[in-house]
């Protein structure tokens, strides 16, 4: 049985989840919640295996691009080169990408790619917080990627085009998921945590952008971490 621990940084709190996996099944064994200022004391006194860390990155770089058909090893180089070209101030970074318009066998033409990059300085700050207590970080994921994976695993939304709005403090992150793949991210801000009419306007404008520019029509709008709970509408 493989034991795992995940740490999620969410606004001013830190959530810790102990889980085990066996034969493709994951079971949550224990959950804990700390204030951010309490978390170092927990790290200092607790033995932990290699950790998976989930973060809300305040600054990131994302966009879509096209790339010719290529093996993954070459595609990585193409995407990395394009990130450097579009964001020349981003010198040392980590990234992931997904293919959002894969061709069927025998089809020719470019693939559409979505990429997400962060400055390694921010990653280093996260890792060093664990390193000073002798804890090893195995994986770091942006919260948007984990949320898109949850949508992909949903029987109701898998294979659909979905536009969630994730609320973190006064940040609102709108992200488009198509067939389980991230396609687009837009961040807006608000003066308050609660939903406002401005948030509704931003969602409507984002839907229009997706339809007009991306030629994708969201079938579901989802509110995540909203004060009054999540609501699904079609």
Protein backbone atom coordinates (compact mmCIF):
# COMPACT_ATOMS: atom_id res chain seq x y z
CA UNK A 1 0.00 0.00 0.00
CA UNK A 2 1.41 3.38 -1.06
CA UNK A 3 1.01 6.12 1.55
CA UNK A 4 0.80 9.73 0.40
CA UNK A 5 0.58 13.18 1.98
CA UNK A 6 -0.69 16.24 0.14
CA UNK A 7 -0.37 19.83 1.36
CA UNK A 8 -2.65 22.53 -0.07
CA UNK A 9 -2.00 26.23 0.53
CA UNK A 10 -5.36 28.02 0.42
CA UNK A 11 -5.54 31.72 1.28
CA UNK A 12 -4.50 32.00 4.94
CA UNK A 13 -4.84 28.30 5.78
CA UNK A 14 -2.95 25.12 4.97
CA UNK A 15 -4.74 21.79 4.51
CA UNK A 16 -2.94 18.47 4.96
CA UNK A 17 -4.39 15.21 3.63
CA UNK A 18 -3.08 11.74 4.51
CA UNK A 19 -4.12 9.09 2.00
CA UNK A 20 -3.19 5.64 0.77
CA UNK A 21 -3.51 4.08 -2.65
CA UNK A 22 -3.78 0.43 -3.60
CA UNK A 23 -4.66 -1.11 -6.96
CA UNK A 24 -5.79 2.23 -8.37
CA UNK A 25 -7.99 3.10 -5.39
CA UNK A 26 -7.20 6.08 -3.15
CA UNK A 27 -8.51 6.26 0.41
CA UNK A 28 -8.32 9.44 2.53
CA UNK A 29 -7.21 8.48 6.02
CA UNK A 30 -6.94 11.82 7.81
CA UNK A 31 -7.22 15.55 7.14
CA UNK A 32 -5.82 18.47 9.11
CA UNK A 33 -6.19 22.26 8.80
CA UNK A 34 -3.70 24.86 10.07
CA UNK A 35 -3.39 28.59 10.00
CA UNK A 36 -0.45 29.51 7.79
CA UNK A 37 1.57 30.78 10.77
CA UNK A 38 1.04 27.44 12.57
CA UNK A 39 2.22 25.26 9.72
CA UNK A 40 5.97 25.56 10.39
CA UNK A 41 5.50 24.11 13.88
CA UNK A 42 3.71 21.15 12.32
CA UNK A 43 6.55 20.60 9.84
CA UNK A 44 9.11 20.81 12.62
CA UNK A 45 7.55 18.09 14.76
CA UNK A 46 6.00 15.68 12.24
CA UNK A 47 7.57 12.95 10.12
CA UNK A 48 6.34 13.07 6.54
CA UNK A 49 7.09 11.11 3.36
CA UNK A 50 7.73 12.80 0.03
CA UNK A 51 5.06 15.44 -0.31
CA UNK A 52 2.71 16.65 -3.00
CA UNK A 53 2.17 20.41 -2.67
CA UNK A 54 -0.70 22.38 -4.22
CA UNK A 55 -0.40 26.17 -4.49
CA UNK A 56 -2.28 29.18 -5.72
CA UNK A 57 0.33 31.04 -7.77
CA UNK A 58 -0.25 34.78 -7.70
CA UNK A 59 1.82 35.26 -10.84
CA UNK A 60 1.96 32.86 -13.73
CA UNK A 61 2.28 32.91 -17.50
CA UNK A 62 -0.21 31.08 -19.69
CA UNK A 63 -1.34 31.19 -23.28
CA UNK A 64 -2.22 29.05 -26.27
CA UNK A 65 -0.02 28.33 -29.26
CA UNK A 66 0.17 26.05 -32.26
CA UNK A 67 2.83 23.44 -32.87
CA UNK A 68 3.51 20.91 -35.61
CA UNK A 69 2.99 17.20 -34.95
CA UNK A 70 6.01 16.00 -33.00
CA UNK A 71 7.10 13.47 -30.40
CA UNK A 72 6.78 14.62 -26.80
CA UNK A 73 10.52 15.19 -26.33
CA UNK A 74 10.58 17.60 -29.29
CA UNK A 75 7.26 19.16 -28.41
CA UNK A 76 8.64 20.13 -24.99
CA UNK A 77 11.47 22.02 -26.67
CA UNK A 78 9.05 23.78 -29.02
CA UNK A 79 6.81 24.89 -26.15
CA UNK A 80 9.76 26.01 -24.00
CA UNK A 81 11.14 28.05 -26.89
CA UNK A 82 7.76 29.72 -27.47
CA UNK A 83 7.45 30.64 -23.77
CA UNK A 84 10.87 32.31 -23.89
CA UNK A 85 9.86 34.16 -27.03
CA UNK A 86 6.56 35.45 -25.63
CA UNK A 87 7.87 36.25 -22.15
CA UNK A 88 11.51 37.34 -22.56
CA UNK A 89 11.74 38.56 -18.94
CA UNK A 90 11.00 35.04 -17.71
CA UNK A 91 14.52 33.59 -17.57
CA UNK A 92 14.35 30.55 -15.27
CA UNK A 93 11.00 28.83 -15.18
CA UNK A 94 9.08 25.57 -14.92
CA UNK A 95 6.04 24.76 -17.04
CA UNK A 96 3.51 22.22 -18.15
CA UNK A 97 1.45 22.05 -21.32
CA UNK A 98 -1.50 20.16 -22.72
CA UNK A 99 -2.64 19.41 -26.26
CA UNK A 100 -6.14 20.81 -26.66
CA UNK A 101 -6.76 20.00 -30.35
CA UNK A 102 -5.23 16.61 -30.98
CA UNK A 103 -5.51 15.27 -34.52
CA UNK A 104 -6.90 11.85 -35.28
CA UNK A 105 -4.71 9.27 -36.98
CA UNK A 106 -3.83 10.37 -40.50
CA UNK A 107 -4.85 14.01 -40.04
CA UNK A 108 -2.28 16.65 -40.84
CA UNK A 109 -1.88 20.18 -39.55
CA UNK A 110 -0.74 21.93 -36.36
CA UNK A 111 -1.81 21.02 -32.84
CA UNK A 112 -3.18 23.67 -30.50
CA UNK A 113 -1.27 23.78 -27.21
CA UNK A 114 -2.05 25.39 -23.85
CA UNK A 115 0.91 26.16 -21.57
CA UNK A 116 1.32 27.35 -17.97
CA UNK A 117 4.66 28.58 -16.59
CA UNK A 118 5.90 29.95 -13.26
CA UNK A 119 9.14 31.58 -12.23
CA UNK A 120 11.43 29.12 -10.44
CA UNK A 121 12.09 31.72 -7.75
CA UNK A 122 8.55 31.21 -6.48
CA UNK A 123 8.96 27.43 -6.56
CA UNK A 124 12.22 27.70 -4.65
CA UNK A 125 10.57 29.71 -1.89
CA UNK A 126 7.96 26.98 -1.45
CA UNK A 127 10.51 24.16 -1.44
CA UNK A 128 12.83 25.93 1.00
CA UNK A 129 10.02 26.25 3.53
CA UNK A 130 9.90 22.44 3.67
CA UNK A 131 13.65 21.87 3.27
CA UNK A 132 14.54 23.78 6.43
CA UNK A 133 12.63 21.15 8.39
CA UNK A 134 14.10 18.23 6.46
CA UNK A 135 10.95 17.58 4.43
CA UNK A 136 11.16 16.63 0.75
CA UNK A 137 8.73 17.94 -1.85
CA UNK A 138 8.17 15.47 -4.67
CA UNK A 139 5.54 17.30 -6.72
CA UNK A 140 4.22 20.88 -6.92
CA UNK A 141 0.96 21.53 -8.73
CA UNK A 142 -0.95 24.77 -9.36
CA UNK A 143 -4.41 24.58 -7.83
CA UNK A 144 -5.99 25.21 -11.23
CA UNK A 145 -4.47 22.00 -12.60
CA UNK A 146 -5.79 19.90 -9.72
CA UNK A 147 -9.23 21.47 -10.05
CA UNK A 148 -9.31 20.73 -13.77
CA UNK A 149 -8.44 17.11 -12.95
CA UNK A 150 -11.42 16.94 -10.59
CA UNK A 151 -13.67 18.18 -13.37
CA UNK A 152 -12.20 15.60 -15.72
CA UNK A 153 -12.99 12.84 -13.22
CA UNK A 154 -16.59 14.00 -12.81
CA UNK A 155 -19.07 11.74 -14.58
CA UNK A 156 -21.32 14.75 -15.26
CA UNK A 157 -18.63 17.04 -16.70
CA UNK A 158 -16.09 14.68 -18.26
CA UNK A 159 -15.86 15.29 -21.99
CA UNK A 160 -17.71 18.61 -21.68
CA UNK A 161 -16.57 22.20 -22.10
CA UNK A 162 -16.71 23.71 -18.62
CA UNK A 163 -15.97 27.22 -17.32
CA UNK A 164 -15.35 27.29 -13.54
CA UNK A 165 -14.68 30.37 -11.44
CA UNK A 166 -12.41 29.61 -8.48
CA UNK A 167 -12.46 32.15 -5.64
CA UNK A 168 -9.29 32.58 -3.55
CA UNK A 169 -9.47 35.59 -1.26
CA UNK A 170 -10.23 38.51 -3.55
CA UNK A 171 -8.89 36.73 -6.64
CA UNK A 172 -11.25 35.13 -9.12
CA UNK A 173 -9.67 32.65 -11.51
CA UNK A 174 -11.78 31.71 -14.51
CA UNK A 175 -10.48 28.73 -16.43
CA UNK A 176 -11.84 26.79 -19.37
CA UNK A 177 -11.66 23.00 -19.40
CA UNK A 178 -12.43 21.08 -22.58
CA UNK A 179 -12.41 17.28 -22.56
CA UNK A 180 -10.50 17.44 -19.29
CA UNK A 181 -7.76 19.72 -20.64
CA UNK A 182 -7.04 23.29 -19.60
CA UNK A 183 -7.55 25.69 -22.51
CA UNK A 184 -7.61 29.17 -21.03
CA UNK A 185 -7.09 31.04 -17.73
CA UNK A 186 -8.17 34.55 -16.78
CA UNK A 187 -7.69 36.19 -13.37
CA UNK A 188 -9.78 39.08 -12.09
CA UNK A 189 -9.88 40.74 -8.68
CA UNK A 190 -12.53 42.04 -6.33
CA UNK A 191 -12.56 44.24 -3.25
CA UNK A 192 -14.42 41.58 -1.26
CA UNK A 193 -14.50 37.79 -0.92
CA UNK A 194 -18.25 37.54 -1.56
CA UNK A 195 -19.64 37.30 -5.06
CA UNK A 196 -20.77 40.56 -6.64
CA UNK A 197 -22.52 41.73 -9.78
CA UNK A 198 -19.07 42.52 -11.20
CA UNK A 199 -18.15 38.84 -10.91
CA UNK A 200 -21.26 37.90 -12.87
CA UNK A 201 -20.33 40.46 -15.54
CA UNK A 202 -16.81 39.03 -15.74
CA UNK A 203 -18.18 35.52 -16.18
CA UNK A 204 -20.48 36.71 -18.98
CA UNK A 205 -17.61 38.53 -20.71
CA UNK A 206 -15.41 35.44 -20.40
CA UNK A 207 -18.13 33.26 -21.93
CA UNK A 208 -18.37 35.70 -24.84
CA UNK A 209 -14.58 35.63 -25.28
CA UNK A 210 -14.55 31.83 -25.32
CA UNK A 211 -17.27 31.75 -27.95
CA UNK A 212 -15.85 34.50 -30.17
CA UNK A 213 -12.08 34.05 -29.87
CA UNK A 214 -11.59 30.42 -28.88
CA UNK A 215 -14.67 29.13 -30.69
CA UNK A 216 -15.57 27.09 -27.64
CA UNK A 217 -18.99 27.21 -26.03
CA UNK A 218 -19.01 26.46 -22.28
CA UNK A 219 -21.76 23.97 -21.48
CA UNK A 220 -21.47 24.44 -17.72
CA UNK A 221 -20.52 27.33 -15.44
CA UNK A 222 -19.23 26.27 -12.02
CA UNK A 223 -18.54 28.37 -8.91
CA UNK A 224 -15.81 26.97 -6.68
CA UNK A 225 -15.13 28.12 -3.11
CA UNK A 226 -17.92 30.68 -3.28
CA UNK A 227 -19.15 32.00 0.06
CA UNK A 228 -22.63 30.59 -0.43
CA UNK A 229 -21.36 27.27 -1.82
CA UNK A 230 -20.99 25.84 -5.29
CA UNK A 231 -23.83 26.02 -7.78
CA UNK A 232 -24.02 24.34 -11.15
CA UNK A 233 -25.96 25.80 -14.01
CA UNK A 234 -26.30 24.98 -17.66
